[in-house]
């Protein structure tokens, strides 16, 4: 997943209840991070060109259609639209 200035590419991830997903996040422009509050996921702050692999486990009791927002917590990036969705299938 690319972390660009004020966007994620792609900005939608899907998985099933109980599934563990590995996400490689790469900062393409500036300093960014990747956060999913409800799942306790937080990357390091990544400078341009840096990457990190995150392991995300969807709760086994998650209901199909449940969504979790991911976002960049740096400055006002979230308010500027740097958000995406993890959707349970």
N, C-alpha and C. Protein backbone atom coordinates (compact mmCIF):
# COMPACT_ATOMS: atom_id res chain seq x y z
N UNK A 1 0.84 -1.16 0.00
CA UNK A 1 0.00 0.00 0.00
C UNK A 1 0.89 1.23 0.00
N UNK A 2 0.61 2.15 -0.90
CA UNK A 2 1.37 3.39 -0.98
C UNK A 2 0.72 4.47 -0.13
N UNK A 3 1.55 5.16 0.64
CA UNK A 3 1.11 6.29 1.43
C UNK A 3 1.58 7.54 0.70
N UNK A 4 0.65 8.21 0.04
CA UNK A 4 0.94 9.40 -0.75
C UNK A 4 0.54 10.63 0.04
N UNK A 5 0.77 11.79 -0.51
CA UNK A 5 0.31 13.00 0.16
C UNK A 5 -1.21 13.01 0.17
N UNK A 6 -1.74 12.71 1.35
CA UNK A 6 -3.17 12.78 1.66
C UNK A 6 -4.02 11.72 0.99
N UNK A 7 -3.42 10.56 0.67
CA UNK A 7 -4.21 9.43 0.16
C UNK A 7 -3.46 8.12 0.37
N UNK A 8 -4.24 7.04 0.40
CA UNK A 8 -3.71 5.68 0.42
C UNK A 8 -4.05 5.05 -0.92
N UNK A 9 -3.16 4.22 -1.44
CA UNK A 9 -3.43 3.53 -2.69
C UNK A 9 -2.99 2.07 -2.54
N UNK A 10 -3.95 1.15 -2.48
CA UNK A 10 -5.39 1.33 -2.54
C UNK A 10 -5.93 1.85 -1.21
N UNK A 11 -7.19 2.31 -1.22
CA UNK A 11 -7.78 2.82 0.01
C UNK A 11 -8.88 1.89 0.54
N UNK A 12 -8.92 0.66 0.01
CA UNK A 12 -9.87 -0.34 0.47
C UNK A 12 -9.15 -1.68 0.61
N UNK A 13 -9.31 -2.30 1.77
CA UNK A 13 -8.78 -3.64 2.04
C UNK A 13 -9.97 -4.49 2.47
N UNK A 14 -9.99 -5.75 2.09
CA UNK A 14 -11.08 -6.64 2.48
C UNK A 14 -10.51 -7.92 3.05
N UNK A 15 -11.22 -8.49 4.01
CA UNK A 15 -10.82 -9.75 4.60
C UNK A 15 -11.97 -10.39 5.32
N UNK A 16 -11.76 -11.63 5.74
CA UNK A 16 -12.81 -12.39 6.41
C UNK A 16 -12.56 -12.45 7.91
N UNK A 17 -13.61 -12.72 8.68
CA UNK A 17 -13.44 -12.83 10.13
C UNK A 17 -12.34 -13.84 10.48
N UNK A 18 -11.46 -13.45 11.39
CA UNK A 18 -10.37 -14.32 11.83
C UNK A 18 -9.16 -14.32 10.91
N UNK A 19 -9.26 -13.70 9.76
CA UNK A 19 -8.15 -13.69 8.80
C UNK A 19 -7.03 -12.76 9.27
N UNK A 20 -5.80 -13.18 9.02
CA UNK A 20 -4.63 -12.35 9.28
C UNK A 20 -4.11 -11.86 7.94
N UNK A 21 -3.94 -10.54 7.83
CA UNK A 21 -3.52 -9.90 6.59
C UNK A 21 -2.18 -9.22 6.83
N UNK A 22 -1.25 -9.40 5.90
CA UNK A 22 0.01 -8.66 5.95
C UNK A 22 -0.10 -7.50 4.96
N UNK A 23 0.21 -6.30 5.45
CA UNK A 23 0.12 -5.10 4.62
C UNK A 23 1.49 -4.44 4.61
N UNK A 24 2.08 -4.30 3.43
CA UNK A 24 3.34 -3.56 3.32
C UNK A 24 2.98 -2.12 2.98
N UNK A 25 3.29 -1.21 3.90
CA UNK A 25 3.02 0.20 3.68
C UNK A 25 4.33 0.89 3.30
N UNK A 26 4.27 1.72 2.26
CA UNK A 26 5.44 2.44 1.77
C UNK A 26 5.10 3.91 1.63
N UNK A 27 5.87 4.77 2.30
CA UNK A 27 5.66 6.20 2.17
C UNK A 27 6.27 6.67 0.86
N UNK A 28 5.46 7.27 0.03
CA UNK A 28 5.92 7.75 -1.27
C UNK A 28 6.25 9.23 -1.26
N UNK A 29 5.55 10.00 -0.42
CA UNK A 29 5.75 11.45 -0.38
C UNK A 29 5.63 11.93 1.07
N UNK A 30 6.69 12.38 1.65
CA UNK A 30 6.63 12.95 3.00
C UNK A 30 6.54 11.91 4.09
N UNK A 31 6.25 12.38 5.31
CA UNK A 31 6.14 11.52 6.48
C UNK A 31 4.69 11.11 6.69
N UNK A 32 4.48 9.79 6.87
CA UNK A 32 3.13 9.26 7.07
C UNK A 32 3.19 8.06 8.01
N UNK A 33 2.01 7.69 8.51
CA UNK A 33 1.88 6.43 9.24
C UNK A 33 0.56 5.79 8.85
N UNK A 34 0.29 4.63 9.45
CA UNK A 34 -0.91 3.84 9.13
C UNK A 34 -1.49 3.40 10.46
N UNK A 35 -2.75 3.76 10.74
CA UNK A 35 -3.37 3.48 12.03
C UNK A 35 -4.76 2.90 11.84
N UNK A 36 -5.06 1.83 12.59
CA UNK A 36 -6.44 1.34 12.73
C UNK A 36 -6.69 1.25 14.23
N UNK A 37 -7.37 2.23 14.78
CA UNK A 37 -7.56 2.31 16.23
C UNK A 37 -8.22 1.07 16.82
N UNK A 38 -9.32 0.64 16.23
CA UNK A 38 -10.11 -0.47 16.80
C UNK A 38 -9.34 -1.78 16.87
N UNK A 39 -8.35 -1.94 16.01
CA UNK A 39 -7.60 -3.20 15.95
C UNK A 39 -6.21 -3.07 16.57
N UNK A 40 -5.90 -1.89 17.14
CA UNK A 40 -4.61 -1.70 17.80
C UNK A 40 -3.43 -1.71 16.84
N UNK A 41 -3.66 -1.27 15.60
CA UNK A 41 -2.61 -1.27 14.58
C UNK A 41 -2.05 0.13 14.43
N UNK A 42 -0.72 0.25 14.49
CA UNK A 42 -0.06 1.55 14.30
C UNK A 42 1.34 1.30 13.77
N UNK A 43 1.62 1.84 12.61
CA UNK A 43 2.97 1.73 12.05
C UNK A 43 3.87 2.78 12.69
N UNK A 44 5.14 2.69 12.38
CA UNK A 44 6.08 3.75 12.71
C UNK A 44 5.78 4.93 11.79
N UNK A 45 6.32 6.08 12.11
CA UNK A 45 6.26 7.21 11.17
C UNK A 45 7.31 6.93 10.10
N UNK A 46 6.85 6.89 8.86
CA UNK A 46 7.71 6.52 7.74
C UNK A 46 8.04 7.75 6.89
N UNK A 47 9.31 7.99 6.66
CA UNK A 47 9.75 9.06 5.77
C UNK A 47 9.67 8.56 4.32
N UNK A 48 9.76 9.46 3.37
CA UNK A 48 9.71 9.08 1.95
C UNK A 48 10.68 7.94 1.66
N UNK A 49 10.16 6.88 1.01
CA UNK A 49 10.98 5.74 0.64
C UNK A 49 11.04 4.65 1.68
N UNK A 50 10.60 4.92 2.91
CA UNK A 50 10.63 3.88 3.95
C UNK A 50 9.39 3.02 3.87
N UNK A 51 9.52 1.76 4.31
CA UNK A 51 8.38 0.86 4.30
C UNK A 51 8.39 0.00 5.56
N UNK A 52 7.23 -0.56 5.84
CA UNK A 52 7.06 -1.43 7.00
C UNK A 52 5.97 -2.44 6.68
N UNK A 53 6.14 -3.66 7.16
CA UNK A 53 5.11 -4.68 6.99
C UNK A 53 4.33 -4.79 8.29
N UNK A 54 3.02 -4.65 8.18
CA UNK A 54 2.14 -4.73 9.34
C UNK A 54 1.32 -6.01 9.26
N UNK A 55 1.04 -6.58 10.41
CA UNK A 55 0.19 -7.77 10.47
C UNK A 55 -1.12 -7.35 11.14
N UNK A 56 -2.22 -7.53 10.43
CA UNK A 56 -3.54 -7.13 10.91
C UNK A 56 -4.41 -8.37 10.99
N UNK A 57 -4.99 -8.61 12.16
CA UNK A 57 -5.90 -9.74 12.32
C UNK A 57 -7.31 -9.22 12.51
N UNK A 58 -8.19 -9.65 11.63
CA UNK A 58 -9.60 -9.27 11.74
C UNK A 58 -10.21 -10.12 12.86
N UNK A 59 -10.94 -9.51 13.78
CA UNK A 59 -11.53 -10.29 14.87
C UNK A 59 -12.39 -11.44 14.35
N UNK A 60 -12.27 -12.59 14.99
CA UNK A 60 -13.02 -13.78 14.57
C UNK A 60 -14.53 -13.57 14.68
N UNK A 61 -14.95 -12.68 15.59
CA UNK A 61 -16.39 -12.45 15.77
C UNK A 61 -16.91 -11.26 14.96
N UNK A 62 -16.07 -10.73 14.05
CA UNK A 62 -16.50 -9.60 13.22
C UNK A 62 -17.59 -10.06 12.25
N UNK A 63 -18.59 -9.24 12.09
CA UNK A 63 -19.73 -9.54 11.23
C UNK A 63 -19.45 -9.02 9.82
N UNK A 64 -19.86 -9.81 8.84
CA UNK A 64 -19.72 -9.38 7.45
C UNK A 64 -20.33 -7.99 7.27
N UNK A 65 -19.61 -7.11 6.61
CA UNK A 65 -20.09 -5.75 6.40
C UNK A 65 -19.52 -4.75 7.39
N UNK A 66 -18.90 -5.26 8.47
CA UNK A 66 -18.25 -4.37 9.43
C UNK A 66 -17.10 -3.66 8.73
N UNK A 67 -16.90 -2.38 9.05
CA UNK A 67 -15.79 -1.63 8.48
C UNK A 67 -14.94 -1.03 9.60
N UNK A 68 -13.66 -0.92 9.32
CA UNK A 68 -12.69 -0.27 10.20
C UNK A 68 -11.98 0.79 9.38
N UNK A 69 -11.94 2.01 9.89
CA UNK A 69 -11.25 3.07 9.17
C UNK A 69 -9.77 3.02 9.47
N UNK A 70 -8.94 3.14 8.44
CA UNK A 70 -7.51 3.36 8.66
C UNK A 70 -7.19 4.77 8.19
N UNK A 71 -6.14 5.34 8.79
CA UNK A 71 -5.83 6.74 8.51
C UNK A 71 -4.38 7.05 8.84
N UNK A 72 -3.93 8.21 8.42
CA UNK A 72 -2.62 8.74 8.78
C UNK A 72 -2.84 9.73 9.93
N UNK A 73 -2.10 9.53 11.02
CA UNK A 73 -2.29 10.38 12.20
C UNK A 73 -1.36 11.60 12.23
N UNK A 74 -0.56 11.79 11.20
CA UNK A 74 0.36 12.91 11.16
C UNK A 74 -0.41 14.21 10.91
N UNK A 75 -0.17 15.20 11.73
CA UNK A 75 -0.72 16.55 11.57
C UNK A 75 -2.20 16.48 11.19
N UNK A 76 -2.59 17.15 10.12
CA UNK A 76 -3.99 17.18 9.68
C UNK A 76 -4.25 16.27 8.48
N UNK A 77 -3.40 15.26 8.27
CA UNK A 77 -3.53 14.40 7.09
C UNK A 77 -4.89 13.70 7.05
N UNK A 78 -5.36 13.22 8.20
CA UNK A 78 -6.66 12.55 8.24
C UNK A 78 -7.77 13.50 7.80
N UNK A 79 -7.76 14.71 8.33
CA UNK A 79 -8.78 15.70 7.97
C UNK A 79 -8.71 16.07 6.49
N UNK A 80 -7.53 15.93 5.91
CA UNK A 80 -7.37 16.26 4.49
C UNK A 80 -7.71 15.07 3.58
N UNK A 81 -8.23 14.00 4.16
CA UNK A 81 -8.72 12.88 3.36
C UNK A 81 -7.83 11.66 3.30
N UNK A 82 -6.78 11.62 4.14
CA UNK A 82 -5.88 10.46 4.12
C UNK A 82 -6.49 9.36 4.99
N UNK A 83 -7.53 8.73 4.46
CA UNK A 83 -8.27 7.68 5.15
C UNK A 83 -8.57 6.56 4.16
N UNK A 84 -8.88 5.39 4.70
CA UNK A 84 -9.29 4.25 3.90
C UNK A 84 -10.14 3.33 4.75
N UNK A 85 -10.55 2.21 4.17
CA UNK A 85 -11.46 1.29 4.85
C UNK A 85 -10.97 -0.14 4.75
N UNK A 86 -11.03 -0.84 5.89
CA UNK A 86 -10.86 -2.28 5.95
C UNK A 86 -12.27 -2.84 6.12
N UNK A 87 -12.73 -3.63 5.15
CA UNK A 87 -14.10 -4.15 5.17
C UNK A 87 -14.07 -5.66 5.41
N UNK A 88 -14.93 -6.10 6.32
CA UNK A 88 -15.08 -7.53 6.59
C UNK A 88 -16.07 -8.10 5.59
N UNK A 89 -15.66 -9.19 4.93
CA UNK A 89 -16.53 -9.82 3.92
C UNK A 89 -17.32 -10.95 4.51
